[in-house]
Amino acid sequence: MKTKERAPGARAAVDTAWLVDALQRMWEVRLFEEGMHRLFLKGEVHGTTHLSAGQEAVPVGVCSALRPDDLAAGTYRGHGHALAKGTELAPLAGEMLGRANGVCGGRAGSMNVIDLEHGLIGCFGIIGGSAGAAIGAALERKTAGGVAVCFFGDGATNHGYLHECLNFAKVHSLPVVFVCENNLYGEFTPWEAVTAGGDIAGRVASYAIPARKVDGNDVVEVRAAAEESVKRARESHEPSFLECLTYRHYGHSKSDPGAYRTKQEVAAWKERDPLILAAETLRGSGVAEAEIEAARTRADEAVEAALAEALAAPFPEPATDGATEYAL
């Protein structure tokens, strides 16, 4: 698949203060995952991990359009979803390490994080599971006020479960935004090889749900599309669908070296790294290089402090430490 060319001068004026903050948040996600990668190799992270490096613009862009009382459901590749929705770095790091300071008391691990305090109703290991959770949340938000968002990969779009959720959302006019993170591969398989019609967003037209395909590596474009979709959900109680074209830098999981992708393909997408694109936009808007670098420095310092705090935290005592992840 060819990467999308960036047209010089095509960008409208952007909110540079917001974009500096978004760049810092994307750096936090990237550096957090690099830290998890190092700790996994040292045996500190048990089980597996699914890294989202390269996809940071999607959760950061979408969640920047949400209010604190809006709800979100993520995937097993959910570190970025959690951090973008407001989960703090140290509790998330503690959760990855199975420590008592973890956001779920060290019980959820990498794939099943819940942070109700910040509106994260869960990260789901089941393909498309986030959609069903968001449907339930949207039913509640429709009455209480607010919006629900679900993130899922391109592979989920070939599961009947997701299509049932799309149908239900339209029939019942639910304030939900479906966000497909199309990173071009369902585990090891190119999405185009297993997706009839070759157009994920186009399929959604059959449900009469507004669907839009965006550059998922451009946080400004993602945010603009999300704001439109969230506004529709909030004001009209109608669902929307965003297909965000993006790319993961690592393999599917820690056991996947990604040998099915060519070095040329990976290199081409890394040239369109969302962190690079955001920095380019800031430079083009007249933001000083020192301010751009400062965003990375702040993120680096925050992540390193969080990792140190998590590594120093004790492991939970199963007999005495009660779980709090479901407490309201």
C-alpha atoms as a PDB file:
ATOM      1  CA  MET A   1       0.000   0.000   0.000  1.00  0.00           C
ATOM      2  CA  LYS A   2       1.326   3.430  -0.859  1.00  0.00           C
ATOM      3  CA  THR A   3       1.636   6.028   1.846  1.00  0.00           C
ATOM      4  CA  LYS A   4      -0.333   9.202   1.496  1.00  0.00           C
ATOM      5  CA  GLU A   5       1.544  12.233   0.182  1.00  0.00           C
ATOM      6  CA  ARG A   6       1.381  15.397   2.281  1.00  0.00           C
ATOM      7  CA  ALA A   7       0.432  18.404   0.200  1.00  0.00           C
ATOM      8  CA  PRO A   8       2.561  21.469   1.058  1.00  0.00           C
ATOM      9  CA  GLY A   9       0.496  24.469   2.096  1.00  0.00           C
ATOM     10  CA  ALA A  10      -2.741  22.468   2.221  1.00  0.00           C
ATOM     11  CA  ARG A  11      -3.020  22.748   6.013  1.00  0.00           C
ATOM     12  CA  ALA A  12      -5.410  25.301   7.435  1.00  0.00           C
ATOM     13  CA  ALA A  13      -4.330  27.290  10.486  1.00  0.00           C
ATOM     14  CA  VAL A  14      -3.979  25.038  13.521  1.00  0.00           C
ATOM     15  CA  ASP A  15      -4.195  25.595  17.252  1.00  0.00           C
ATOM     16  CA  THR A  16      -0.476  25.420  17.967  1.00  0.00           C
ATOM     17  CA  ALA A  17      -0.896  25.369  21.757  1.00  0.00           C
ATOM     18  CA  TRP A  18      -3.128  22.314  21.449  1.00  0.00           C
ATOM     19  CA  LEU A  19      -0.757  20.678  18.951  1.00  0.00           C
ATOM     20  CA  VAL A  20       2.261  21.124  21.251  1.00  0.00           C
ATOM     21  CA  ASP A  21       0.252  19.417  23.994  1.00  0.00           C
ATOM     22  CA  ALA A  22      -0.839  16.672  21.579  1.00  0.00           C
ATOM     23  CA  LEU A  23       2.769  16.145  20.495  1.00  0.00           C
ATOM     24  CA  GLN A  24       3.814  15.741  24.117  1.00  0.00           C
ATOM     25  CA  ARG A  25       1.027  13.229  24.717  1.00  0.00           C
ATOM     26  CA  MET A  26       2.051  11.256  21.622  1.00  0.00           C
ATOM     27  CA  TRP A  27       5.646  11.266  22.858  1.00  0.00           C
ATOM     28  CA  GLU A  28       4.421   9.977  26.217  1.00  0.00           C
ATOM     29  CA  VAL A  29       2.693   7.068  24.497  1.00  0.00           C
ATOM     30  CA  ARG A  30       5.760   6.322  22.330  1.00  0.00           C
ATOM     31  CA  LEU A  31       8.283   6.549  25.167  1.00  0.00           C
ATOM     32  CA  PHE A  32       6.027   4.600  27.539  1.00  0.00           C
ATOM     33  CA  GLU A  33       5.887   1.743  25.054  1.00  0.00           C
ATOM     34  CA  GLU A  34       9.636   1.882  24.453  1.00  0.00           C
ATOM     35  CA  GLY A  35      10.011   1.552  28.210  1.00  0.00           C
ATOM     36  CA  MET A  36       7.650  -1.420  28.263  1.00  0.00           C
ATOM     37  CA  HIS A  37       9.666  -2.975  25.450  1.00  0.00           C
ATOM     38  CA  ARG A  38      12.881  -2.678  27.465  1.00  0.00           C
ATOM     39  CA  LEU A  39      11.259  -4.044  30.610  1.00  0.00           C
ATOM     40  CA  PHE A  40       9.707  -6.939  28.692  1.00  0.00           C
ATOM     41  CA  LEU A  41      13.156  -7.962  27.479  1.00  0.00           C
ATOM     42  CA  LYS A  42      14.372  -7.818  31.093  1.00  0.00           C
ATOM     43  CA  GLY A  43      11.564 -10.116  32.226  1.00  0.00           C
ATOM     44  CA  GLU A  44       9.693  -7.445  34.190  1.00  0.00           C
ATOM     45  CA  VAL A  45       6.574  -7.596  31.987  1.00  0.00           C
ATOM     46  CA  HIS A  46       4.942 -11.020  31.941  1.00  0.00           C
ATOM     47  CA  GLY A  47       2.725 -12.483  29.259  1.00  0.00           C
ATOM     48  CA  THR A  48       2.763 -10.537  26.016  1.00  0.00           C
ATOM     49  CA  THR A  49       2.368  -6.948  24.915  1.00  0.00           C
ATOM     50  CA  HIS A  50       0.899  -5.378  21.798  1.00  0.00           C
ATOM     51  CA  LEU A  51       2.669  -2.108  21.010  1.00  0.00           C
ATOM     52  CA  SER A  52       0.975   0.757  19.180  1.00  0.00           C
ATOM     53  CA  ALA A  53       4.082   2.727  18.200  1.00  0.00           C
ATOM     54  CA  GLY A  54       3.254   4.526  14.954  1.00  0.00           C
ATOM     55  CA  GLN A  55      -0.467   4.777  15.715  1.00  0.00           C
ATOM     56  CA  GLU A  56      -0.366   7.473  18.412  1.00  0.00           C
ATOM     57  CA  ALA A  57      -2.203  10.125  16.405  1.00  0.00           C
ATOM     58  CA  VAL A  58      -5.446   8.138  16.410  1.00  0.00           C
ATOM     59  CA  PRO A  59      -6.152   7.882  20.153  1.00  0.00           C
ATOM     60  CA  VAL A  60      -4.646  11.288  20.927  1.00  0.00           C
ATOM     61  CA  GLY A  61      -6.584  12.993  18.135  1.00  0.00           C
ATOM     62  CA  VAL A  62      -9.887  11.275  18.926  1.00  0.00           C
ATOM     63  CA  CYS A  63      -9.721  11.636  22.701  1.00  0.00           C
ATOM     64  CA  SER A  64      -8.844  15.327  22.420  1.00  0.00           C
ATOM     65  CA  ALA A  65     -12.362  15.804  21.037  1.00  0.00           C
ATOM     66  CA  LEU A  66     -13.961  14.182  24.100  1.00  0.00           C
ATOM     67  CA  ARG A  67     -15.063  15.583  27.438  1.00  0.00           C
ATOM     68  CA  PRO A  68     -13.995  13.958  30.720  1.00  0.00           C
ATOM     69  CA  ASP A  69     -17.463  12.436  31.149  1.00  0.00           C
ATOM     70  CA  ASP A  70     -17.411  10.810  27.709  1.00  0.00           C
ATOM     71  CA  LEU A  71     -16.551   7.111  27.666  1.00  0.00           C
ATOM     72  CA  ALA A  72     -14.087   5.122  25.584  1.00  0.00           C
ATOM     73  CA  ALA A  73     -13.378   1.451  24.931  1.00  0.00           C
ATOM     74  CA  GLY A  74      -9.983   0.352  23.644  1.00  0.00           C
ATOM     75  CA  THR A  75      -8.334  -2.751  22.268  1.00  0.00           C
ATOM     76  CA  TYR A  76      -5.634  -5.107  23.514  1.00  0.00           C
ATOM     77  CA  ARG A  77      -3.246  -2.638  21.825  1.00  0.00           C
ATOM     78  CA  GLY A  78      -4.561  -0.141  24.314  1.00  0.00           C
ATOM     79  CA  HIS A  79      -1.696   1.728  25.998  1.00  0.00           C
ATOM     80  CA  GLY A  80      -2.307   4.742  23.756  1.00  0.00           C
ATOM     81  CA  HIS A  81      -6.063   4.576  24.300  1.00  0.00           C
ATOM     82  CA  ALA A  82      -5.616   4.634  28.068  1.00  0.00           C
ATOM     83  CA  LEU A  83      -3.067   7.441  28.133  1.00  0.00           C
ATOM     84  CA  ALA A  84      -5.002   9.553  25.621  1.00  0.00           C
ATOM     85  CA  LYS A  85      -8.178   9.209  27.705  1.00  0.00           C
ATOM     86  CA  GLY A  86      -6.371  10.421  30.811  1.00  0.00           C
ATOM     87  CA  THR A  87      -4.940   7.392  32.601  1.00  0.00           C
ATOM     88  CA  GLU A  88      -1.820   8.500  34.462  1.00  0.00           C
ATOM     89  CA  LEU A  89       1.576   7.148  33.469  1.00  0.00           C
ATOM     90  CA  ALA A  90       2.670   5.643  36.796  1.00  0.00           C
ATOM     91  CA  PRO A  91      -0.533   3.651  37.453  1.00  0.00           C
ATOM     92  CA  LEU A  92      -0.480   2.351  33.876  1.00  0.00           C
ATOM     93  CA  ALA A  93       3.180   1.370  34.208  1.00  0.00           C
ATOM     94  CA  GLY A  94       2.399  -0.320  37.509  1.00  0.00           C
ATOM     95  CA  GLU A  95      -0.373  -2.279  35.840  1.00  0.00           C
ATOM     96  CA  MET A  96       1.970  -3.494  33.112  1.00  0.00           C
ATOM     97  CA  LEU A  97       4.379  -4.689  35.810  1.00  0.00           C
ATOM     98  CA  GLY A  98       1.694  -6.294  37.963  1.00  0.00           C
ATOM     99  CA  ARG A  99       2.331  -3.918  40.850  1.00  0.00           C
ATOM    100  CA  ALA A 100      -0.044  -2.784  43.572  1.00  0.00           C
ATOM    101  CA  ASN A 101       0.016   0.826  42.316  1.00  0.00           C
ATOM    102  CA  GLY A 102      -1.437  -0.331  38.991  1.00  0.00           C
ATOM    103  CA  VAL A 103      -4.635   1.272  37.773  1.00  0.00           C
ATOM    104  CA  CYS A 104      -6.362  -2.106  38.277  1.00  0.00           C
ATOM    105  CA  GLY A 105      -4.246  -3.144  41.236  1.00  0.00           C
ATOM    106  CA  GLY A 106      -1.834  -5.107  39.072  1.00  0.00           C
ATOM    107  CA  ARG A 107      -4.499  -7.590  37.955  1.00  0.00           C
ATOM    108  CA  ALA A 108      -5.270  -6.566  34.374  1.00  0.00           C
ATOM    109  CA  GLY A 109      -1.852  -6.652  32.760  1.00  0.00           C
ATOM    110  CA  SER A 110      -1.298  -5.199  29.317  1.00  0.00           C
ATOM    111  CA  MET A 111      -4.481  -6.149  27.485  1.00  0.00           C
ATOM    112  CA  ASN A 112      -7.382  -5.538  29.877  1.00  0.00           C
ATOM    113  CA  VAL A 113      -6.910  -2.130  31.477  1.00  0.00           C
ATOM    114  CA  ILE A 114      -9.929  -0.386  32.996  1.00  0.00           C
ATOM    115  CA  ASP A 115      -9.888   3.174  34.346  1.00  0.00           C
ATOM    116  CA  LEU A 116     -13.416   4.303  35.126  1.00  0.00           C
ATOM    117  CA  GLU A 117     -12.153   7.442  36.849  1.00  0.00           C
ATOM    118  CA  HIS A 118     -10.994   8.731  33.469  1.00  0.00           C
ATOM    119  CA  GLY A 119     -13.801   7.262  31.373  1.00  0.00           C
ATOM    120  CA  LEU A 120     -11.942   4.224  30.047  1.00  0.00           C
ATOM    121  CA  ILE A 121     -14.527   1.446  30.330  1.00  0.00           C
ATOM    122  CA  GLY A 122     -11.998  -1.161  29.296  1.00  0.00           C
ATOM    123  CA  CYS A 123      -9.428  -2.447  26.849  1.00  0.00           C
ATOM    124  CA  PHE A 124     -10.584  -5.705  25.318  1.00  0.00           C
ATOM    125  CA  GLY A 125      -8.641  -8.755  24.213  1.00  0.00           C
ATOM    126  CA  ILE A 126     -11.591 -10.036  22.181  1.00  0.00           C
ATOM    127  CA  ILE A 127     -11.562  -8.790  18.580  1.00  0.00           C
ATOM    128  CA  GLY A 128     -14.297  -6.161  18.285  1.00  0.00           C
ATOM    129  CA  GLY A 129     -15.198  -6.475  21.974  1.00  0.00           C
ATOM    130  CA  SER A 130     -14.780  -2.731  22.375  1.00  0.00           C
ATOM    131  CA  ALA A 131     -17.764  -2.138  20.089  1.00  0.00           C
ATOM    132  CA  GLY A 132     -20.208  -4.042  22.278  1.00  0.00           C
ATOM    133  CA  ALA A 133     -18.937  -2.266  25.382  1.00  0.00           C
ATOM    134  CA  ALA A 134     -19.321   1.117  23.694  1.00  0.00           C
ATOM    135  CA  ILE A 135     -22.870   0.266  22.625  1.00  0.00           C
ATOM    136  CA  GLY A 136     -23.805  -0.378  26.231  1.00  0.00           C
ATOM    137  CA  ALA A 137     -22.060   2.815  27.304  1.00  0.00           C
ATOM    138  CA  ALA A 138     -23.846   4.771  24.576  1.00  0.00           C
ATOM    139  CA  LEU A 139     -27.231   3.529  25.788  1.00  0.00           C
ATOM    140  CA  GLU A 140     -26.402   4.954  29.211  1.00  0.00           C
ATOM    141  CA  ARG A 141     -24.844   8.153  27.859  1.00  0.00           C
ATOM    142  CA  LYS A 142     -27.898   8.825  25.688  1.00  0.00           C
ATOM    143  CA  THR A 143     -29.900   9.258  28.877  1.00  0.00           C
ATOM    144  CA  ALA A 144     -27.228  10.746  31.118  1.00  0.00           C
ATOM    145  CA  GLY A 145     -25.623  12.919  28.451  1.00  0.00           C
ATOM    146  CA  GLY A 146     -22.345  12.268  26.739  1.00  0.00           C
ATOM    147  CA  VAL A 147     -20.688  10.230  24.016  1.00  0.00           C
ATOM    148  CA  ALA A 148     -19.114   6.780  23.764  1.00  0.00           C
ATOM    149  CA  VAL A 149     -16.185   5.897  21.491  1.00  0.00           C
ATOM    150  CA  CYS A 150     -14.775   2.510  20.571  1.00  0.00           C
ATOM    151  CA  PHE A 151     -11.424   1.739  18.965  1.00  0.00           C
ATOM    152  CA  PHE A 152     -10.838  -1.446  16.967  1.00  0.00           C
ATOM    153  CA  GLY A 153      -8.583  -2.727  14.220  1.00  0.00           C
ATOM    154  CA  ASP A 154      -9.242  -3.465  10.562  1.00  0.00           C
ATOM    155  CA  GLY A 155      -9.532  -7.163  11.371  1.00  0.00           C
ATOM    156  CA  ALA A 156     -12.649  -6.526  13.464  1.00  0.00           C
ATOM    157  CA  THR A 157     -14.488  -5.180  10.429  1.00  0.00           C
ATOM    158  CA  ASN A 158     -14.801  -8.733   9.087  1.00  0.00           C
ATOM    159  CA  HIS A 159     -16.454  -9.986  12.281  1.00  0.00           C
ATOM    160  CA  GLY A 160     -20.221 -10.193  12.431  1.00  0.00           C
ATOM    161  CA  TYR A 161     -20.182  -8.881  15.985  1.00  0.00           C
ATOM    162  CA  LEU A 162     -19.056  -5.425  14.845  1.00  0.00           C
ATOM    163  CA  HIS A 163     -21.734  -5.306  12.162  1.00  0.00           C
ATOM    164  CA  GLU A 164     -24.407  -6.184  14.712  1.00  0.00           C
ATOM    165  CA  CYS A 165     -23.178  -3.251  16.791  1.00  0.00           C
ATOM    166  CA  LEU A 166     -23.271  -0.888  13.806  1.00  0.00           C
ATOM    167  CA  ASN A 167     -26.812  -1.944  13.019  1.00  0.00           C
ATOM    168  CA  PHE A 168     -27.926  -1.622  16.659  1.00  0.00           C
ATOM    169  CA  ALA A 169     -26.334   1.821  16.989  1.00  0.00           C
ATOM    170  CA  LYS A 170     -28.182   3.133  13.951  1.00  0.00           C
ATOM    171  CA  VAL A 171     -31.540   1.550  14.750  1.00  0.00           C
ATOM    172  CA  HIS A 172     -31.466   2.965  18.291  1.00  0.00           C
ATOM    173  CA  SER A 173     -29.828   6.308  17.403  1.00  0.00           C
ATOM    174  CA  LEU A 174     -26.940   5.970  19.821  1.00  0.00           C
ATOM    175  CA  PRO A 175     -24.284   8.632  20.524  1.00  0.00           C
ATOM    176  CA  VAL A 176     -21.328   6.450  19.616  1.00  0.00           C
ATOM    177  CA  VAL A 177     -18.287   6.945  17.394  1.00  0.00           C
ATOM    178  CA  PHE A 178     -16.730   3.840  15.824  1.00  0.00           C
ATOM    179  CA  VAL A 179     -12.986   4.329  15.215  1.00  0.00           C
ATOM    180  CA  CYS A 180     -11.233   1.798  12.996  1.00  0.00           C
ATOM    181  CA  GLU A 181      -7.452   1.895  13.364  1.00  0.00           C
ATOM    182  CA  ASN A 182      -6.593   0.437   9.980  1.00  0.00           C
ATOM    183  CA  ASN A 183      -2.891  -0.412  10.325  1.00  0.00           C
ATOM    184  CA  LEU A 184      -3.092  -2.500   7.129  1.00  0.00           C
ATOM    185  CA  TYR A 185      -2.647  -5.902   8.795  1.00  0.00           C
ATOM    186  CA  GLY A 186      -4.954  -8.172  10.750  1.00  0.00           C
ATOM    187  CA  GLU A 187      -2.210  -9.819  12.785  1.00  0.00           C
ATOM    188  CA  PHE A 188      -0.042 -11.126   9.902  1.00  0.00           C
ATOM    189  CA  THR A 189      -2.501 -10.803   7.003  1.00  0.00           C
ATOM    190  CA  PRO A 190      -2.886  -7.744   4.721  1.00  0.00           C
ATOM    191  CA  TRP A 191      -6.389  -6.397   5.267  1.00  0.00           C
ATOM    192  CA  GLU A 192      -7.011  -6.062   1.522  1.00  0.00           C
ATOM    193  CA  ALA A 193      -6.483  -9.829   1.064  1.00  0.00           C
ATOM    194  CA  VAL A 194      -9.385 -10.711   3.343  1.00  0.00           C
ATOM    195  CA  THR A 195     -11.770  -7.758   2.976  1.00  0.00           C
ATOM    196  CA  ALA A 196     -14.282  -8.019   0.156  1.00  0.00           C
ATOM    197  CA  GLY A 197     -14.851  -4.774  -1.693  1.00  0.00           C
ATOM    198  CA  GLY A 198     -11.569  -3.256  -0.557  1.00  0.00           C
ATOM    199  CA  ASP A 199     -13.209  -0.342   1.254  1.00  0.00           C
ATOM    200  CA  ILE A 200     -13.895  -0.527   4.970  1.00  0.00           C
ATOM    201  CA  ALA A 201     -15.532   2.883   5.318  1.00  0.00           C
ATOM    202  CA  GLY A 202     -17.596   2.233   2.205  1.00  0.00           C
ATOM    203  CA  ARG A 203     -19.218  -0.808   3.779  1.00  0.00           C
ATOM    204  CA  VAL A 204     -20.700   1.343   6.530  1.00  0.00           C
ATOM    205  CA  ALA A 205     -22.828   3.247   4.015  1.00  0.00           C
ATOM    206  CA  SER A 206     -25.226   0.289   3.980  1.00  0.00           C
ATOM    207  CA  TYR A 207     -26.178   1.192   7.567  1.00  0.00           C
ATOM    208  CA  ALA A 208     -26.782   4.859   6.658  1.00  0.00           C
ATOM    209  CA  ILE A 209     -24.058   5.794   9.145  1.00  0.00           C
ATOM    210  CA  PRO A 210     -21.794   8.692   8.140  1.00  0.00           C
ATOM    211  CA  ALA A 211     -18.341   7.242   7.492  1.00  0.00           C
ATOM    212  CA  ARG A 212     -15.100   9.042   6.784  1.00  0.00           C
ATOM    213  CA  LYS A 213     -11.599   7.875   5.867  1.00  0.00           C
ATOM    214  CA  VAL A 214      -8.775   9.999   7.301  1.00  0.00           C
ATOM    215  CA  ASP A 215      -4.991  10.078   7.521  1.00  0.00           C
ATOM    216  CA  GLY A 216      -4.494   8.339  10.840  1.00  0.00           C
ATOM    217  CA  ASN A 217      -0.902   9.555  11.113  1.00  0.00           C
ATOM    218  CA  ASP A 218      -1.971  13.206  11.074  1.00  0.00           C
ATOM    219  CA  VAL A 219      -3.215  14.124  14.547  1.00  0.00           C
ATOM    220  CA  VAL A 220      -4.700  17.408  13.309  1.00  0.00           C
ATOM    221  CA  GLU A 221      -6.775  15.647  10.649  1.00  0.00           C
ATOM    222  CA  VAL A 222      -7.864  12.957  13.111  1.00  0.00           C
ATOM    223  CA  ARG A 223      -8.956  15.553  15.646  1.00  0.00           C
ATOM    224  CA  ALA A 224     -10.970  17.523  13.075  1.00  0.00           C
ATOM    225  CA  ALA A 225     -12.804  14.384  11.944  1.00  0.00           C
ATOM    226  CA  ALA A 226     -13.384  13.299  15.541  1.00  0.00           C
ATOM    227  CA  GLU A 227     -14.786  16.696  16.515  1.00  0.00           C
ATOM    228  CA  GLU A 228     -17.317  16.460  13.701  1.00  0.00           C
ATOM    229  CA  SER A 229     -18.322  12.915  14.688  1.00  0.00           C
ATOM    230  CA  VAL A 230     -18.492  13.674  18.412  1.00  0.00           C
ATOM    231  CA  LYS A 231     -20.613  16.758  17.748  1.00  0.00           C
ATOM    232  CA  ARG A 232     -23.042  14.634  15.738  1.00  0.00           C
ATOM    233  CA  ALA A 233     -23.238  12.081  18.533  1.00  0.00           C
ATOM    234  CA  ARG A 234     -23.678  14.707  21.242  1.00  0.00           C
ATOM    235  CA  GLU A 235     -26.227  16.885  19.494  1.00  0.00           C
ATOM    236  CA  SER A 236     -28.156  14.388  17.339  1.00  0.00           C
ATOM    237  CA  HIS A 237     -27.608  11.065  19.135  1.00  0.00           C
ATOM    238  CA  GLU A 238     -26.381   9.532  15.903  1.00  0.00           C
ATOM    239  CA  PRO A 239     -23.434   7.183  15.307  1.00  0.00           C
ATOM    240  CA  SER A 240     -20.453   7.878  13.066  1.00  0.00           C
ATOM    241  CA  PHE A 241     -17.587   5.804  11.697  1.00  0.00           C
ATOM    242  CA  LEU A 242     -13.967   6.873  11.198  1.00  0.00           C
ATOM    243  CA  GLU A 243     -11.439   4.772   9.311  1.00  0.00           C
ATOM    244  CA  CYS A 244      -7.984   6.003  10.299  1.00  0.00           C
ATOM    245  CA  LEU A 245      -5.207   4.773   8.006  1.00  0.00           C
ATOM    246  CA  THR A 246      -2.085   4.213  10.082  1.00  0.00           C
ATOM    247  CA  TYR A 247       0.771   1.760  10.601  1.00  0.00           C
ATOM    248  CA  ARG A 248       2.310  -0.074  13.545  1.00  0.00           C
ATOM    249  CA  HIS A 249       6.087   0.019  13.705  1.00  0.00           C
ATOM    250  CA  TYR A 250       6.401  -3.280  15.558  1.00  0.00           C
ATOM    251  CA  GLY A 251       4.941  -6.696  14.826  1.00  0.00           C
ATOM    252  CA  HIS A 252       1.489  -7.743  15.974  1.00  0.00           C
ATOM    253  CA  SER A 253       2.771  -8.770  19.400  1.00  0.00           C
ATOM    254  CA  LYS A 254       6.057  -9.467  21.127  1.00  0.00           C
ATOM    255  CA  SER A 255       6.223 -12.890  19.474  1.00  0.00           C
ATOM    256  CA  ASP A 256       5.910 -11.425  15.968  1.00  0.00           C
ATOM    257  CA  PRO A 257       9.082 -10.180  14.218  1.00  0.00           C
ATOM    258  CA  GLY A 258       6.996  -8.741  11.361  1.00  0.00           C
ATOM    259  CA  ALA A 259       8.860 -10.654   8.647  1.00  0.00           C
ATOM    260  CA  TYR A 260       5.818 -10.509   6.330  1.00  0.00           C
ATOM    261  CA  ARG A 261       6.456  -6.779   5.762  1.00  0.00           C
ATOM    262  CA  THR A 262       9.271  -5.497   3.564  1.00  0.00           C
ATOM    263  CA  LYS A 263      11.941  -3.204   4.971  1.00  0.00           C
ATOM    264  CA  GLN A 264      11.015  -0.684   2.286  1.00  0.00           C
ATOM    265  CA  GLU A 265       7.382  -0.617   3.375  1.00  0.00           C
ATOM    266  CA  VAL A 266       8.242  -0.126   7.037  1.00  0.00           C
ATOM    267  CA  ALA A 267      10.783   2.589   6.201  1.00  0.00           C
ATOM    268  CA  ALA A 268       8.284   4.457   4.009  1.00  0.00           C
ATOM    269  CA  TRP A 269       5.701   4.539   6.778  1.00  0.00           C
ATOM    270  CA  LYS A 270       8.254   5.561   9.382  1.00  0.00           C
ATOM    271  CA  GLU A 271       8.979   8.614   7.253  1.00  0.00           C
ATOM    272  CA  ARG A 272       5.344   9.526   7.968  1.00  0.00           C
ATOM    273  CA  ASP A 273       5.650   8.920  11.680  1.00  0.00           C
ATOM    274  CA  PRO A 274       2.862  10.884  13.427  1.00  0.00           C
ATOM    275  CA  LEU A 275       5.439  12.511  15.717  1.00  0.00           C
ATOM    276  CA  ILE A 276       7.415  13.721  12.718  1.00  0.00           C
ATOM    277  CA  LEU A 277       4.312  15.058  10.977  1.00  0.00           C
ATOM    278  CA  ALA A 278       3.127  16.918  14.066  1.00  0.00           C
ATOM    279  CA  ALA A 279       6.547  18.517  14.523  1.00  0.00           C
ATOM    280  CA  GLU A 280       6.588  19.530  10.835  1.00  0.00           C
ATOM    281  CA  THR A 281       3.193  21.175  11.206  1.00  0.00           C
ATOM    282  CA  LEU A 282       4.384  23.107  14.249  1.00  0.00           C
ATOM    283  CA  ARG A 283       7.496  24.305  12.417  1.00  0.00           C
ATOM    284  CA  GLY A 284       5.351  25.354   9.476  1.00  0.00           C
ATOM    285  CA  SER A 285       3.162  27.321  11.897  1.00  0.00           C
ATOM    286  CA  GLY A 286       6.153  29.237  13.247  1.00  0.00           C
ATOM    287  CA  VAL A 287       6.676  27.374  16.517  1.00  0.00           C
ATOM    288  CA  ALA A 288      10.277  27.494  17.681  1.00  0.00           C
ATOM    289  CA  GLU A 289      12.357  24.321  17.576  1.00  0.00           C
ATOM    290  CA  ALA A 290      13.121  24.694  21.280  1.00  0.00           C
ATOM    291  CA  GLU A 291       9.412  24.485  22.120  1.00  0.00           C
ATOM    292  CA  ILE A 292       9.010  21.374  19.971  1.00  0.00           C
ATOM    293  CA  GLU A 293      11.984  19.710  21.653  1.00  0.00           C
ATOM    294  CA  ALA A 294      10.692  20.732  25.065  1.00  0.00           C
ATOM    295  CA  ALA A 295       7.542  18.679  24.472  1.00  0.00           C
ATOM    296  CA  ARG A 296       9.672  15.566  24.039  1.00  0.00           C
ATOM    297  CA  THR A 297      11.813  16.400  27.053  1.00  0.00           C
ATOM    298  CA  ARG A 298       8.756  16.800  29.282  1.00  0.00           C
ATOM    299  CA  ALA A 299       7.390  13.491  28.029  1.00  0.00           C
ATOM    300  CA  ASP A 300      10.705  11.732  28.575  1.00  0.00           C
ATOM    301  CA  GLU A 301      11.001  13.001  32.125  1.00  0.00           C
ATOM    302  CA  ALA A 302       7.395  12.055  32.942  1.00  0.00           C
ATOM    303  CA  VAL A 303       7.771   8.538  31.542  1.00  0.00           C
ATOM    304  CA  GLU A 304      11.073   7.857  33.290  1.00  0.00           C
ATOM    305  CA  ALA A 305       9.624   9.024  36.607  1.00  0.00           C
ATOM    306  CA  ALA A 306       6.569   6.818  36.101  1.00  0.00           C
ATOM    307  CA  LEU A 307       8.665   3.751  35.296  1.00  0.00           C
ATOM    308  CA  ALA A 308      10.828   4.322  38.357  1.00  0.00           C
ATOM    309  CA  GLU A 309       7.745   4.672  40.555  1.00  0.00           C
ATOM    310  CA  ALA A 310       6.242   1.476  39.157  1.00  0.00           C
ATOM    311  CA  LEU A 311       9.441  -0.526  39.569  1.00  0.00           C
ATOM    312  CA  ALA A 312       9.661   0.590  43.199  1.00  0.00           C
ATOM    313  CA  ALA A 313       6.035  -0.327  43.949  1.00  0.00           C
ATOM    314  CA  PRO A 314       5.280  -3.593  45.769  1.00  0.00           C
ATOM    315  CA  PHE A 315       3.442  -6.524  44.267  1.00  0.00           C
ATOM    316  CA  PRO A 316      -0.159  -6.889  45.481  1.00  0.00           C
ATOM    317  CA  GLU A 317      -1.094  -9.276  48.269  1.00  0.00           C
ATOM    318  CA  PRO A 318      -3.948 -11.378  46.840  1.00  0.00           C
ATOM    319  CA  ALA A 319      -5.287 -12.241  50.296  1.00  0.00           C
ATOM    320  CA  THR A 320      -5.652  -8.665  51.471  1.00  0.00           C
ATOM    321  CA  ASP A 321      -5.582  -6.253  48.532  1.00  0.00           C
ATOM    322  CA  GLY A 322      -9.113  -5.821  47.211  1.00  0.00           C
ATOM    323  CA  ALA A 323      -9.649  -4.984  43.566  1.00  0.00           C
ATOM    324  CA  THR A 324     -11.024  -1.501  42.907  1.00  0.00           C
ATOM    325  CA  GLU A 325     -11.272  -1.410  39.120  1.00  0.00           C
ATOM    326  CA  TYR A 326     -15.054  -1.904  39.147  1.00  0.00           C
ATOM    327  CA  ALA A 327     -15.844   0.417  42.052  1.00  0.00           C
ATOM    328  CA  LEU A 328     -18.141   3.295  41.180  1.00  0.00           C
END
